[in-house]
Amino acid sequence: MDFKNILKKAGEAAKKVDKEDVKELLDGVDTEEIKAVVTKFIQSKKEDVKLEGDTNLFENGFVNSLFALDIVTFLEKTFKIRLGKNDINKDNLSTINKIVALVEKLKK
């Protein structure tokens, strides 16, 4: 099953079941799928660049503090996770690889 179908099913399921059941549906999403979705979201704002997983998004001007908040909202809605105060920091959001690691940590 591809990630779009998982998200669709998760969205449909969210209307019928509690948050833990939705998280269970997302457990099958692997690291590469998460990375692809996060990369696509960030690149949708900066279409003319190709991002690598360890490119520093802040230092290279891809992300500013306002866009970082957009990323947080995107992650929470897409992956049905909740980022706490300690999760939302420049280090956790500095690269695509670190964002993916954060999502995987919070999915558990």
PDB file of N, CA and C in Angstrom:
ATOM      1  N   MET A   1       0.853  -1.173   0.000  1.00  0.00           N
ATOM      2  CA  MET A   1       0.000   0.000   0.000  1.00  0.00           C
ATOM      3  C   MET A   1       0.901   1.240   0.000  1.00  0.00           C
ATOM      4  N   ASP A   2       0.612   2.202  -0.863  1.00  0.00           N
ATOM      5  CA  ASP A   2       1.438   3.402  -0.892  1.00  0.00           C
ATOM      6  C   ASP A   2       0.991   4.407   0.170  1.00  0.00           C
ATOM      7  N   PHE A   3       1.829   5.397   0.387  1.00  0.00           N
ATOM      8  CA  PHE A   3       1.604   6.334   1.482  1.00  0.00           C
ATOM      9  C   PHE A   3       0.320   7.137   1.312  1.00  0.00           C
ATOM     10  N   LYS A   4      -0.024   7.522   0.088  1.00  0.00           N
ATOM     11  CA  LYS A   4      -1.263   8.287  -0.132  1.00  0.00           C
ATOM     12  C   LYS A   4      -2.474   7.479   0.310  1.00  0.00           C
ATOM     13  N   ASN A   5      -2.476   6.196  -0.008  1.00  0.00           N
ATOM     14  CA  ASN A   5      -3.590   5.350   0.414  1.00  0.00           C
ATOM     15  C   ASN A   5      -3.621   5.191   1.928  1.00  0.00           C
ATOM     16  N   ILE A   6      -2.447   5.111   2.534  1.00  0.00           N
ATOM     17  CA  ILE A   6      -2.390   5.017   3.996  1.00  0.00           C
ATOM     18  C   ILE A   6      -2.981   6.276   4.621  1.00  0.00           C
ATOM     19  N   LEU A   7      -2.588   7.435   4.090  1.00  0.00           N
ATOM     20  CA  LEU A   7      -3.128   8.695   4.615  1.00  0.00           C
ATOM     21  C   LEU A   7      -4.635   8.774   4.414  1.00  0.00           C
ATOM     22  N   LYS A   8      -5.102   8.352   3.250  1.00  0.00           N
ATOM     23  CA  LYS A   8      -6.541   8.377   2.983  1.00  0.00           C
ATOM     24  C   LYS A   8      -7.276   7.479   3.973  1.00  0.00           C
ATOM     25  N   LYS A   9      -6.766   6.276   4.151  1.00  0.00           N
ATOM     26  CA  LYS A   9      -7.393   5.348   5.091  1.00  0.00           C
ATOM     27  C   LYS A   9      -7.312   5.892   6.519  1.00  0.00           C
ATOM     28  N   ALA A  10      -6.186   6.503   6.852  1.00  0.00           N
ATOM     29  CA  ALA A  10      -6.041   7.082   8.192  1.00  0.00           C
ATOM     30  C   ALA A  10      -7.052   8.195   8.404  1.00  0.00           C
ATOM     31  N   GLY A  11      -7.243   9.028   7.376  1.00  0.00           N
ATOM     32  CA  GLY A  11      -8.221  10.108   7.478  1.00  0.00           C
ATOM     33  C   GLY A  11      -9.634   9.582   7.651  1.00  0.00           C
ATOM     34  N   GLU A  12      -9.979   8.555   6.885  1.00  0.00           N
ATOM     35  CA  GLU A  12     -11.290   7.940   7.004  1.00  0.00           C
ATOM     36  C   GLU A  12     -11.446   7.287   8.374  1.00  0.00           C
ATOM     37  N   ALA A  13     -10.398   6.627   8.812  1.00  0.00           N
ATOM     38  CA  ALA A  13     -10.447   5.936  10.097  1.00  0.00           C
ATOM     39  C   ALA A  13     -10.553   6.923  11.255  1.00  0.00           C
ATOM     40  N   ALA A  14      -9.937   8.082  11.095  1.00  0.00           N
ATOM     41  CA  ALA A  14      -9.947   9.070  12.176  1.00  0.00           C
ATOM     42  C   ALA A  14     -11.360   9.518  12.505  1.00  0.00           C
ATOM     43  N   LYS A  15     -12.225   9.461  11.522  1.00  0.00           N
ATOM     44  CA  LYS A  15     -13.617   9.847  11.751  1.00  0.00           C
ATOM     45  C   LYS A  15     -14.350   8.799  12.588  1.00  0.00           C
ATOM     46  N   LYS A  16     -13.850   7.564  12.561  1.00  0.00           N
ATOM     47  CA  LYS A  16     -14.552   6.456  13.195  1.00  0.00           C
ATOM     48  C   LYS A  16     -13.887   5.915  14.454  1.00  0.00           C
ATOM     49  N   VAL A  17     -12.577   6.142  14.589  1.00  0.00           N
ATOM     50  CA  VAL A  17     -11.841   5.514  15.674  1.00  0.00           C
ATOM     51  C   VAL A  17     -11.023   6.528  16.449  1.00  0.00           C
ATOM     52  N   ASP A  18     -10.438   6.075  17.528  1.00  0.00           N
ATOM     53  CA  ASP A  18      -9.636   6.992  18.335  1.00  0.00           C
ATOM     54  C   ASP A  18      -8.219   7.130  17.786  1.00  0.00           C
ATOM     55  N   LYS A  19      -7.457   8.027  18.383  1.00  0.00           N
ATOM     56  CA  LYS A  19      -6.119   8.370  17.910  1.00  0.00           C
ATOM     57  C   LYS A  19      -5.178   7.163  17.894  1.00  0.00           C
ATOM     58  N   GLU A  20      -5.282   6.290  18.847  1.00  0.00           N
ATOM     59  CA  GLU A  20      -4.393   5.117  18.903  1.00  0.00           C
ATOM     60  C   GLU A  20      -4.614   4.196  17.711  1.00  0.00           C
ATOM     61  N   ASP A  21      -5.856   4.067  17.273  1.00  0.00           N
ATOM     62  CA  ASP A  21      -6.130   3.236  16.105  1.00  0.00           C
ATOM     63  C   ASP A  21      -5.531   3.839  14.845  1.00  0.00           C
ATOM     64  N   VAL A  22      -5.579   5.171  14.731  1.00  0.00           N
ATOM     65  CA  VAL A  22      -4.988   5.843  13.570  1.00  0.00           C
ATOM     66  C   VAL A  22      -3.478   5.664  13.593  1.00  0.00           C
ATOM     67  N   LYS A  23      -2.871   5.797  14.766  1.00  0.00           N
ATOM     68  CA  LYS A  23      -1.422   5.604  14.873  1.00  0.00           C
ATOM     69  C   LYS A  23      -1.044   4.193  14.424  1.00  0.00           C
ATOM     70  N   GLU A  24      -1.874   3.228  14.742  1.00  0.00           N
ATOM     71  CA  GLU A  24      -1.606   1.848  14.345  1.00  0.00           C
ATOM     72  C   GLU A  24      -1.573   1.724  12.815  1.00  0.00           C
ATOM     73  N   LEU A  25      -2.469   2.425  12.121  1.00  0.00           N
ATOM     74  CA  LEU A  25      -2.458   2.418  10.660  1.00  0.00           C
ATOM     75  C   LEU A  25      -1.164   3.001  10.110  1.00  0.00           C
ATOM     76  N   LEU A  26      -0.634   4.025  10.772  1.00  0.00           N
ATOM     77  CA  LEU A  26       0.573   4.688  10.292  1.00  0.00           C
ATOM     78  C   LEU A  26       1.850   3.941  10.647  1.00  0.00           C
ATOM     79  N   ASP A  27       1.757   2.950  11.516  1.00  0.00           N
ATOM     80  CA  ASP A  27       2.947   2.200  11.906  1.00  0.00           C
ATOM     81  C   ASP A  27       3.616   1.507  10.730  1.00  0.00           C
ATOM     82  N   GLY A  28       2.855   1.198   9.688  1.00  0.00           N
ATOM     83  CA  GLY A  28       3.407   0.517   8.533  1.00  0.00           C
ATOM     84  C   GLY A  28       4.175   1.428   7.582  1.00  0.00           C
ATOM     85  N   VAL A  29       4.175   2.721   7.845  1.00  0.00           N
ATOM     86  CA  VAL A  29       4.876   3.668   6.982  1.00  0.00           C
ATOM     87  C   VAL A  29       6.358   3.612   7.318  1.00  0.00           C
ATOM     88  N   ASP A  30       7.185   3.375   6.295  1.00  0.00           N
ATOM     89  CA  ASP A  30       8.610   3.242   6.573  1.00  0.00           C
ATOM     90  C   ASP A  30       9.346   4.579   6.444  1.00  0.00           C
ATOM     91  N   THR A  31      10.604   4.555   6.821  1.00  0.00           N
ATOM     92  CA  THR A  31      11.442   5.750   6.861  1.00  0.00           C
ATOM     93  C   THR A  31      11.511   6.449   5.508  1.00  0.00           C
ATOM     94  N   GLU A  32      11.665   5.695   4.447  1.00  0.00           N
ATOM     95  CA  GLU A  32      11.788   6.299   3.115  1.00  0.00           C
ATOM     96  C   GLU A  32      10.498   6.997   2.690  1.00  0.00           C
ATOM     97  N   GLU A  33       9.363   6.440   3.067  1.00  0.00           N
ATOM     98  CA  GLU A  33       8.086   7.078   2.736  1.00  0.00           C
ATOM     99  C   GLU A  33       7.918   8.379   3.511  1.00  0.00           C
ATOM    100  N   ILE A  34       8.290   8.362   4.779  1.00  0.00           N
ATOM    101  CA  ILE A  34       8.224   9.586   5.584  1.00  0.00           C
ATOM    102  C   ILE A  34       9.145  10.638   4.974  1.00  0.00           C
ATOM    103  N   LYS A  35      10.352  10.230   4.643  1.00  0.00           N
ATOM    104  CA  LYS A  35      11.336  11.151   4.060  1.00  0.00           C
ATOM    105  C   LYS A  35      10.818  11.754   2.754  1.00  0.00           C
ATOM    106  N   ALA A  36      10.208  10.933   1.918  1.00  0.00           N
ATOM    107  CA  ALA A  36       9.687  11.413   0.634  1.00  0.00           C
ATOM    108  C   ALA A  36       8.578  12.440   0.840  1.00  0.00           C
ATOM    109  N   VAL A  37       7.695  12.189   1.779  1.00  0.00           N
ATOM    110  CA  VAL A  37       6.582  13.109   2.039  1.00  0.00           C
ATOM    111  C   VAL A  37       7.093  14.430   2.614  1.00  0.00           C
ATOM    112  N   VAL A  38       8.019  14.359   3.570  1.00  0.00           N
ATOM    113  CA  VAL A  38       8.577  15.569   4.178  1.00  0.00           C
ATOM    114  C   VAL A  38       9.346  16.376   3.127  1.00  0.00           C
ATOM    115  N   THR A  39      10.154  15.696   2.334  1.00  0.00           N
ATOM    116  CA  THR A  39      10.932  16.371   1.290  1.00  0.00           C
ATOM    117  C   THR A  39      10.001  17.061   0.291  1.00  0.00           C
ATOM    118  N   LYS A  40       8.971  16.357  -0.122  1.00  0.00           N
ATOM    119  CA  LYS A  40       8.024  16.932  -1.089  1.00  0.00           C
ATOM    120  C   LYS A  40       7.356  18.179  -0.509  1.00  0.00           C
ATOM    121  N   PHE A  41       6.984  18.133   0.758  1.00  0.00           N
ATOM    122  CA  PHE A  41       6.356  19.296   1.388  1.00  0.00           C
ATOM    123  C   PHE A  41       7.307  20.492   1.397  1.00  0.00           C
ATOM    124  N   ILE A  42       8.527  20.272   1.824  1.00  0.00           N
ATOM    125  CA  ILE A  42       9.494  21.378   1.896  1.00  0.00           C
ATOM    126  C   ILE A  42       9.825  21.888   0.501  1.00  0.00           C
ATOM    127  N   GLN A  43      10.004  20.989  -0.440  1.00  0.00           N
ATOM    128  CA  GLN A  43      10.321  21.408  -1.806  1.00  0.00           C
ATOM    129  C   GLN A  43       9.142  22.101  -2.484  1.00  0.00           C
ATOM    130  N   SER A  44       7.932  21.862  -2.007  1.00  0.00           N
ATOM    131  CA  SER A  44       6.779  22.539  -2.610  1.00  0.00           C
ATOM    132  C   SER A  44       6.855  24.049  -2.387  1.00  0.00           C
ATOM    133  N   LYS A  45       7.585  24.457  -1.372  1.00  0.00           N
ATOM    134  CA  LYS A  45       7.763  25.878  -1.078  1.00  0.00           C
ATOM    135  C   LYS A  45       8.989  26.449  -1.777  1.00  0.00           C
ATOM    136  N   LYS A  46       9.920  25.571  -2.139  1.00  0.00           N
ATOM    137  CA  LYS A  46      11.169  25.958  -2.804  1.00  0.00           C
ATOM    138  C   LYS A  46      11.384  25.016  -3.979  1.00  0.00           C
ATOM    139  N   GLU A  47      10.552  25.135  -4.986  1.00  0.00           N
ATOM    140  CA  GLU A  47      10.523  24.170  -6.085  1.00  0.00           C
ATOM    141  C   GLU A  47      11.809  24.086  -6.902  1.00  0.00           C
ATOM    142  N   ASP A  48      12.603  25.124  -6.891  1.00  0.00           N
ATOM    143  CA  ASP A  48      13.779  25.162  -7.762  1.00  0.00           C
ATOM    144  C   ASP A  48      15.027  24.524  -7.156  1.00  0.00           C
ATOM    145  N   VAL A  49      14.912  23.910  -5.986  1.00  0.00           N
ATOM    146  CA  VAL A  49      16.079  23.307  -5.341  1.00  0.00           C
ATOM    147  C   VAL A  49      15.856  21.826  -5.068  1.00  0.00           C
ATOM    148  N   LYS A  50      16.963  21.097  -5.049  1.00  0.00           N
ATOM    149  CA  LYS A  50      16.921  19.677  -4.696  1.00  0.00           C
ATOM    150  C   LYS A  50      17.575  19.538  -3.330  1.00  0.00           C
ATOM    151  N   LEU A  51      16.826  19.008  -2.398  1.00  0.00           N
ATOM    152  CA  LEU A  51      17.315  18.874  -1.029  1.00  0.00           C
ATOM    153  C   LEU A  51      17.858  17.481  -0.777  1.00  0.00           C
ATOM    154  N   GLU A  52      18.935  17.417  -0.041  1.00  0.00           N
ATOM    155  CA  GLU A  52      19.483  16.152   0.439  1.00  0.00           C
ATOM    156  C   GLU A  52      19.027  15.985   1.890  1.00  0.00           C
ATOM    157  N   GLY A  53      19.059  14.770   2.368  1.00  0.00           N
ATOM    158  CA  GLY A  53      18.579  14.480   3.715  1.00  0.00           C
ATOM    159  C   GLY A  53      19.315  15.196   4.821  1.00  0.00           C
ATOM    160  N   ASP A  54      20.600  15.505   4.607  1.00  0.00           N
ATOM    161  CA  ASP A  54      21.369  16.142   5.673  1.00  0.00           C
ATOM    162  C   ASP A  54      21.715  17.605   5.380  1.00  0.00           C
ATOM    163  N   THR A  55      21.044  18.204   4.396  1.00  0.00           N
ATOM    164  CA  THR A  55      21.214  19.633   4.115  1.00  0.00           C
ATOM    165  C   THR A  55      20.594  20.430   5.257  1.00  0.00           C
ATOM    166  N   ASN A  56      21.354  21.369   5.834  1.00  0.00           N
ATOM    167  CA  ASN A  56      20.807  22.185   6.911  1.00  0.00           C
ATOM    168  C   ASN A  56      19.821  23.188   6.316  1.00  0.00           C
ATOM    169  N   LEU A  57      18.562  23.024   6.677  1.00  0.00           N
ATOM    170  CA  LEU A  57      17.488  23.811   6.087  1.00  0.00           C
ATOM    171  C   LEU A  57      17.523  25.278   6.518  1.00  0.00           C
ATOM    172  N   PHE A  58      17.970  25.536   7.736  1.00  0.00           N
ATOM    173  CA  PHE A  58      18.045  26.919   8.235  1.00  0.00           C
ATOM    174  C   PHE A  58      19.260  27.639   7.664  1.00  0.00           C
ATOM    175  N   GLU A  59      20.413  26.997   7.756  1.00  0.00           N
ATOM    176  CA  GLU A  59      21.659  27.630   7.303  1.00  0.00           C
ATOM    177  C   GLU A  59      21.666  27.895   5.802  1.00  0.00           C
ATOM    178  N   ASN A  60      20.950  27.091   5.043  1.00  0.00           N
ATOM    179  CA  ASN A  60      20.911  27.262   3.595  1.00  0.00           C
ATOM    180  C   ASN A  60      19.702  28.067   3.117  1.00  0.00           C
ATOM    181  N   GLY A  61      18.955  28.633   4.046  1.00  0.00           N
ATOM    182  CA  GLY A  61      17.868  29.533   3.696  1.00  0.00           C
ATOM    183  C   GLY A  61      16.588  28.890   3.198  1.00  0.00           C
ATOM    184  N   PHE A  62      16.440  27.581   3.376  1.00  0.00           N
ATOM    185  CA  PHE A  62      15.210  26.918   2.938  1.00  0.00           C
ATOM    186  C   PHE A  62      14.075  27.134   3.930  1.00  0.00           C
ATOM    187  N   VAL A  63      14.425  27.278   5.203  1.00  0.00           N
ATOM    188  CA  VAL A  63      13.418  27.378   6.253  1.00  0.00           C
ATOM    189  C   VAL A  63      13.740  28.569   7.150  1.00  0.00           C
ATOM    190  N   ASN A  64      12.695  29.339   7.465  1.00  0.00           N
ATOM    191  CA  ASN A  64      12.805  30.380   8.478  1.00  0.00           C
ATOM    192  C   ASN A  64      11.851  30.013   9.614  1.00  0.00           C
ATOM    193  N   SER A  65      11.762  30.835  10.620  1.00  0.00           N
ATOM    194  CA  SER A  65      10.949  30.474  11.789  1.00  0.00           C
ATOM    195  C   SER A  65       9.471  30.305  11.437  1.00  0.00           C
ATOM    196  N   LEU A  66       8.960  31.105  10.516  1.00  0.00           N
ATOM    197  CA  LEU A  66       7.556  30.992  10.122  1.00  0.00           C
ATOM    198  C   LEU A  66       7.302  29.681   9.371  1.00  0.00           C
ATOM    199  N   PHE A  67       8.201  29.353   8.449  1.00  0.00           N
ATOM    200  CA  PHE A  67       8.040  28.099   7.713  1.00  0.00           C
ATOM    201  C   PHE A  67       8.242  26.902   8.642  1.00  0.00           C
ATOM    202  N   ALA A  68       9.062  27.044   9.660  1.00  0.00           N
ATOM    203  CA  ALA A  68       9.250  25.965  10.637  1.00  0.00           C
ATOM    204  C   ALA A  68       7.919  25.636  11.307  1.00  0.00           C
ATOM    205  N   LEU A  69       7.113  26.649  11.593  1.00  0.00           N
ATOM    206  CA  LEU A  69       5.792  26.411  12.186  1.00  0.00           C
ATOM    207  C   LEU A  69       4.874  25.699  11.196  1.00  0.00           C
ATOM    208  N   ASP A  70       4.994  26.046   9.919  1.00  0.00           N
ATOM    209  CA  ASP A  70       4.230  25.323   8.898  1.00  0.00           C
ATOM    210  C   ASP A  70       4.627  23.850   8.865  1.00  0.00           C
ATOM    211  N   ILE A  71       5.916  23.588   9.003  1.00  0.00           N
ATOM    212  CA  ILE A  71       6.398  22.206   9.020  1.00  0.00           C
ATOM    213  C   ILE A  71       5.815  21.458  10.218  1.00  0.00           C
ATOM    214  N   VAL A  72       5.823  22.091  11.378  1.00  0.00           N
ATOM    215  CA  VAL A  72       5.267  21.460  12.586  1.00  0.00           C
ATOM    216  C   VAL A  72       3.798  21.098  12.363  1.00  0.00           C
ATOM    217  N   THR A  73       3.024  22.040  11.837  1.00  0.00           N
ATOM    218  CA  THR A  73       1.601  21.787  11.582  1.00  0.00           C
ATOM    219  C   THR A  73       1.430  20.656  10.569  1.00  0.00           C
ATOM    220  N   PHE A  74       2.229  20.685   9.520  1.00  0.00           N
ATOM    221  CA  PHE A  74       2.181  19.631   8.511  1.00  0.00           C
ATOM    222  C   PHE A  74       2.471  18.263   9.122  1.00  0.00           C
ATOM    223  N   LEU A  75       3.521  18.186   9.936  1.00  0.00           N
ATOM    224  CA  LEU A  75       3.888  16.904  10.556  1.00  0.00           C
ATOM    225  C   LEU A  75       2.773  16.391  11.454  1.00  0.00           C
ATOM    226  N   GLU A  76       2.218  17.268  12.261  1.00  0.00           N
ATOM    227  CA  GLU A  76       1.164  16.855  13.191  1.00  0.00           C
ATOM    228  C   GLU A  76      -0.068  16.353  12.444  1.00  0.00           C
ATOM    229  N   LYS A  77      -0.468  17.046  11.403  1.00  0.00           N
ATOM    230  CA  LYS A  77      -1.667  16.644  10.657  1.00  0.00           C
ATOM    231  C   LYS A  77      -1.417  15.407   9.804  1.00  0.00           C
ATOM    232  N   THR A  78      -0.284  15.359   9.144  1.00  0.00           N
ATOM    233  CA  THR A  78      -0.001  14.265   8.218  1.00  0.00           C
ATOM    234  C   THR A  78       0.249  12.950   8.945  1.00  0.00           C
ATOM    235  N   PHE A  79       1.033  13.000  10.004  1.00  0.00           N
ATOM    236  CA  PHE A  79       1.437  11.772  10.683  1.00  0.00           C
ATOM    237  C   PHE A  79       0.681  11.519  11.980  1.00  0.00           C
ATOM    238  N   LYS A  80      -0.302  12.390  12.265  1.00  0.00           N
ATOM    239  CA  LYS A  80      -1.142  12.221  13.467  1.00  0.00           C
ATOM    240  C   LYS A  80      -0.295  12.089  14.726  1.00  0.00           C
ATOM    241  N   ILE A  81       0.660  13.015  14.848  1.00  0.00           N
ATOM    242  CA  ILE A  81       1.525  13.052  16.023  1.00  0.00           C
ATOM    243  C   ILE A  81       1.355  14.400  16.691  1.00  0.00           C
ATOM    244  N   ARG A  82       1.869  14.524  17.886  1.00  0.00           N
ATOM    245  CA  ARG A  82       1.813  15.787  18.627  1.00  0.00           C
ATOM    246  C   ARG A  82       3.231  16.144  19.033  1.00  0.00           C
ATOM    247  N   LEU A  83       3.702  17.299  18.570  1.00  0.00           N
ATOM    248  CA  LEU A  83       5.023  17.771  18.944  1.00  0.00           C
ATOM    249  C   LEU A  83       4.903  18.623  20.205  1.00  0.00           C
ATOM    250  N   GLY A  84       5.670  18.269  21.201  1.00  0.00           N
ATOM    251  CA  GLY A  84       5.679  19.028  22.438  1.00  0.00           C
ATOM    252  C   GLY A  84       6.664  20.184  22.367  1.00  0.00           C
ATOM    253  N   LYS A  85       6.681  21.003  23.417  1.00  0.00           N
ATOM    254  CA  LYS A  85       7.589  22.157  23.457  1.00  0.00           C
ATOM    255  C   LYS A  85       9.041  21.741  23.255  1.00  0.00           C
ATOM    256  N   ASN A  86       9.435  20.634  23.847  1.00  0.00           N
ATOM    257  CA  ASN A  86      10.826  20.177  23.736  1.00  0.00           C
ATOM    258  C   ASN A  86      11.160  19.610  22.357  1.00  0.00           C
ATOM    259  N   ASP A  87      10.136  19.236  21.590  1.00  0.00           N
ATOM    260  CA  ASP A  87      10.360  18.688  20.253  1.00  0.00           C
ATOM    261  C   ASP A  87      10.563  19.785  19.213  1.00  0.00           C
ATOM    262  N   ILE A  88       9.966  20.945  19.466  1.00  0.00           N
ATOM    263  CA  ILE A  88      10.003  22.034  18.489  1.00  0.00           C
ATOM    264  C   ILE A  88      11.225  22.902  18.767  1.00  0.00           C
ATOM    265  N   ASN A  89      12.304  22.561  18.086  1.00  0.00           N
ATOM    266  CA  ASN A  89      13.531  23.343  18.219  1.00  0.00           C
ATOM    267  C   ASN A  89      14.305  23.282  16.907  1.00  0.00           C
ATOM    268  N   LYS A  90      15.243  24.188  16.785  1.00  0.00           N
ATOM    269  CA  LYS A  90      15.992  24.332  15.538  1.00  0.00           C
ATOM    270  C   LYS A  90      16.765  23.059  15.191  1.00  0.00           C
ATOM    271  N   ASP A  91      17.273  22.366  16.186  1.00  0.00           N
ATOM    272  CA  ASP A  91      18.033  21.148  15.912  1.00  0.00           C
ATOM    273  C   ASP A  91      17.145  20.057  15.312  1.00  0.00           C
ATOM    274  N   ASN A  92      15.981  19.798  15.916  1.00  0.00           N
ATOM    275  CA  ASN A  92      15.089  18.752  15.416  1.00  0.00           C
ATOM    276  C   ASN A  92      14.553  19.038  14.024  1.00  0.00           C
ATOM    277  N   LEU A  93      14.473  20.317  13.654  1.00  0.00           N
ATOM    278  CA  LEU A  93      13.917  20.695  12.361  1.00  0.00           C
ATOM    279  C   LEU A  93      14.985  21.152  11.369  1.00  0.00           C
ATOM    280  N   SER A  94      16.251  20.910  11.698  1.00  0.00           N
ATOM    281  CA  SER A  94      17.341  21.459  10.886  1.00  0.00           C
ATOM    282  C   SER A  94      17.602  20.709   9.584  1.00  0.00           C
ATOM    283  N   THR A  95      17.309  19.423   9.534  1.00  0.00           N
ATOM    284  CA  THR A  95      17.513  18.651   8.301  1.00  0.00           C
ATOM    285  C   THR A  95      16.322  17.728   8.095  1.00  0.00           C
ATOM    286  N   ILE A  96      16.167  17.268   6.880  1.00  0.00           N
ATOM    287  CA  ILE A  96      15.088  16.313   6.599  1.00  0.00           C
ATOM    288  C   ILE A  96      15.309  15.028   7.398  1.00  0.00           C
ATOM    289  N   ASN A  97      16.541  14.575   7.494  1.00  0.00           N
ATOM    290  CA  ASN A  97      16.816  13.351   8.261  1.00  0.00           C
ATOM    291  C   ASN A  97      16.422  13.498   9.727  1.00  0.00           C
ATOM    292  N   LYS A  98      16.683  14.666  10.312  1.00  0.00           N
ATOM    293  CA  LYS A  98      16.316  14.884  11.719  1.00  0.00           C
ATOM    294  C   LYS A  98      14.801  14.996  11.884  1.00  0.00           C
ATOM    295  N   ILE A  99      14.134  15.576  10.907  1.00  0.00           N
ATOM    296  CA  ILE A  99      12.670  15.649  10.956  1.00  0.00           C
ATOM    297  C   ILE A  99      12.083  14.243  10.886  1.00  0.00           C
ATOM    298  N   VAL A 100      12.621  13.425   9.995  1.00  0.00           N
ATOM    299  CA  VAL A 100      12.151  12.041   9.862  1.00  0.00           C
ATOM    300  C   VAL A 100      12.373  11.275  11.167  1.00  0.00           C
ATOM    301  N   ALA A 101      13.541  11.450  11.776  1.00  0.00           N
ATOM    302  CA  ALA A 101      13.834  10.776  13.055  1.00  0.00           C
ATOM    303  C   ALA A 101      12.840  11.223  14.131  1.00  0.00           C
ATOM    304  N   LEU A 102      12.504  12.499  14.138  1.00  0.00           N
ATOM    305  CA  LEU A 102      11.539  13.000  15.111  1.00  0.00           C
ATOM    306  C   LEU A 102      10.171  12.379  14.893  1.00  0.00           C
ATOM    307  N   VAL A 103       9.735  12.317  13.648  1.00  0.00           N
ATOM    308  CA  VAL A 103       8.436  11.701  13.330  1.00  0.00           C
ATOM    309  C   VAL A 103       8.437  10.250  13.779  1.00  0.00           C
ATOM    310  N   GLU A 104       9.501   9.524  13.462  1.00  0.00           N
ATOM    311  CA  GLU A 104       9.548   8.103  13.849  1.00  0.00           C
ATOM    312  C   GLU A 104       9.519   7.932  15.360  1.00  0.00           C
ATOM    313  N   LYS A 105      10.213   8.805  16.076  1.00  0.00           N
ATOM    314  CA  LYS A 105      10.214   8.742  17.544  1.00  0.00           C
ATOM    315  C   LYS A 105       8.810   8.980  18.097  1.00  0.00           C
ATOM    316  N   LEU A 106       8.106   9.960  17.555  1.00  0.00           N
ATOM    317  CA  LEU A 106       6.799  10.324  18.078  1.00  0.00           C
ATOM    318  C   LEU A 106       5.688   9.386  17.620  1.00  0.00           C
ATOM    319  N   LYS A 107       5.919   8.631  16.571  1.00  0.00           N
ATOM    320  CA  LYS A 107       4.921   7.645  16.105  1.00  0.00           C
ATOM    321  C   LYS A 107       4.808   6.475  17.065  1.00  0.00           C
ATOM    322  N   LYS A 108       5.838   6.248  17.848  1.00  0.00           N
ATOM    323  CA  LYS A 108       5.875   5.055  18.709  1.00  0.00           C
ATOM    324  C   LYS A 108       5.063   5.218  19.952  1.00  0.00           C
TER     325      LYS A 108
END
